[in-house]
Protein backbone atom coordinates (compact mmCIF):
# COMPACT_ATOMS: atom_id res chain seq x y z
CA MET A 1 -0.11 23.67 -4.96
CA ASN A 2 -4.09 24.58 -4.05
CA ALA A 3 -5.59 25.54 0.18
CA PHE A 4 -5.77 21.52 0.40
CA HIS A 5 -2.23 21.08 0.06
CA VAL A 6 -1.63 24.16 2.81
CA ILE A 7 -4.67 23.62 4.88
CA GLY A 8 -3.93 19.96 5.09
CA GLY A 9 -0.31 20.53 5.97
CA VAL A 10 -1.12 22.60 8.98
CA THR A 11 -3.73 20.10 9.97
CA ALA A 12 -0.75 17.56 10.06
CA ILE A 13 1.61 19.62 11.71
CA TRP A 14 -1.41 20.94 14.39
CA ALA A 15 -1.66 16.93 15.20
CA VAL A 16 1.91 16.84 15.04
CA ALA A 17 2.43 19.61 18.04
CA VAL A 18 -0.37 18.30 20.09
CA ALA A 19 0.56 14.92 19.98
CA VAL A 20 4.12 15.94 21.36
CA MET A 21 2.53 18.28 23.94
CA GLY A 22 -0.05 15.08 24.97
CA ILE A 23 3.35 13.17 25.40
CA ARG A 24 5.65 15.05 27.40
CA LYS A 25 2.90 17.40 29.56
CA GLU A 26 0.57 14.84 31.76
CA ASP A 27 -2.07 17.54 32.42
CA PHE A 28 -1.98 18.79 28.80
CA PRO A 29 -4.45 20.44 27.69
CA GLY A 30 -4.96 21.67 30.61
CA GLY A 31 -8.23 23.39 31.52
CA ALA A 32 -8.14 24.16 27.27
CA GLU A 33 -10.03 21.26 26.38
CA LYS A 34 -12.16 23.57 24.12
CA ILE A 35 -10.14 25.38 22.50
CA VAL A 36 -8.01 22.85 21.67
CA GLY A 37 -10.53 20.45 19.64
CA ALA A 38 -12.75 23.81 18.97
CA ILE A 39 -8.87 23.89 16.69
CA SER A 40 -8.69 20.44 15.59
CA VAL A 41 -12.20 20.15 14.82
CA LEU A 42 -11.87 24.00 12.44
CA LEU A 43 -8.85 22.82 10.94
CA VAL A 44 -10.38 19.22 10.10
CA VAL A 45 -13.41 21.27 8.53
CA SER A 46 -11.45 23.82 6.10
CA ALA A 47 -9.12 20.66 5.15
CA ILE A 48 -12.28 18.61 4.35
CA SER A 49 -14.06 22.09 1.99
CA ALA A 50 -10.50 22.97 0.99
CA ALA A 51 -10.46 19.26 -0.56
CA ILE A 52 -14.41 19.44 -1.86
CA LEU A 53 -13.48 23.07 -3.70
CA SER A 54 -10.12 22.05 -5.32
CA SER A 55 -11.64 18.91 -6.37
CA GLU A 56 -14.83 20.98 -8.64
CA ASP A 57 -12.23 23.33 -9.99
CA GLU A 58 -10.84 19.46 -11.43
CA GLY A 59 -14.20 18.42 -12.61
CA GLY A 60 -15.42 17.28 -16.39
CA GLU A 61 -10.92 16.75 -16.97
CA GLU A 62 -10.13 14.10 -15.35
CA HIS A 63 -13.05 11.66 -16.46
CA GLY A 64 -12.98 12.72 -20.74
CA GLY A 65 -15.24 16.15 -20.70
CA GLY A 66 -18.76 15.19 -20.20
CA GLU A 67 -20.08 15.85 -23.23
CA ALA A 68 -17.90 14.73 -25.60
CA ALA A 69 -17.62 11.23 -24.05
CA ALA A 70 -21.17 10.83 -24.32
CA GLU A 71 -21.58 11.41 -28.25
CA SER A 72 -18.36 9.46 -28.77
CA HIS A 73 -20.88 6.15 -27.09
């Protein structure tokens, strides 16, 4: 498990919580639109960043390792 799995899970839980609160409470989020929006943007940007960074760690392993694959052709 890496950071993307953790942050992605938190983002999914946040999305479900916001949806449930929006369905149950007619005036949600009241005067806190900017705060809810900022948290949402922060979580999504964090999840995307974690996905990009974790994909760099795995880089050449999935595609045959670059130099070795180029030499075999």
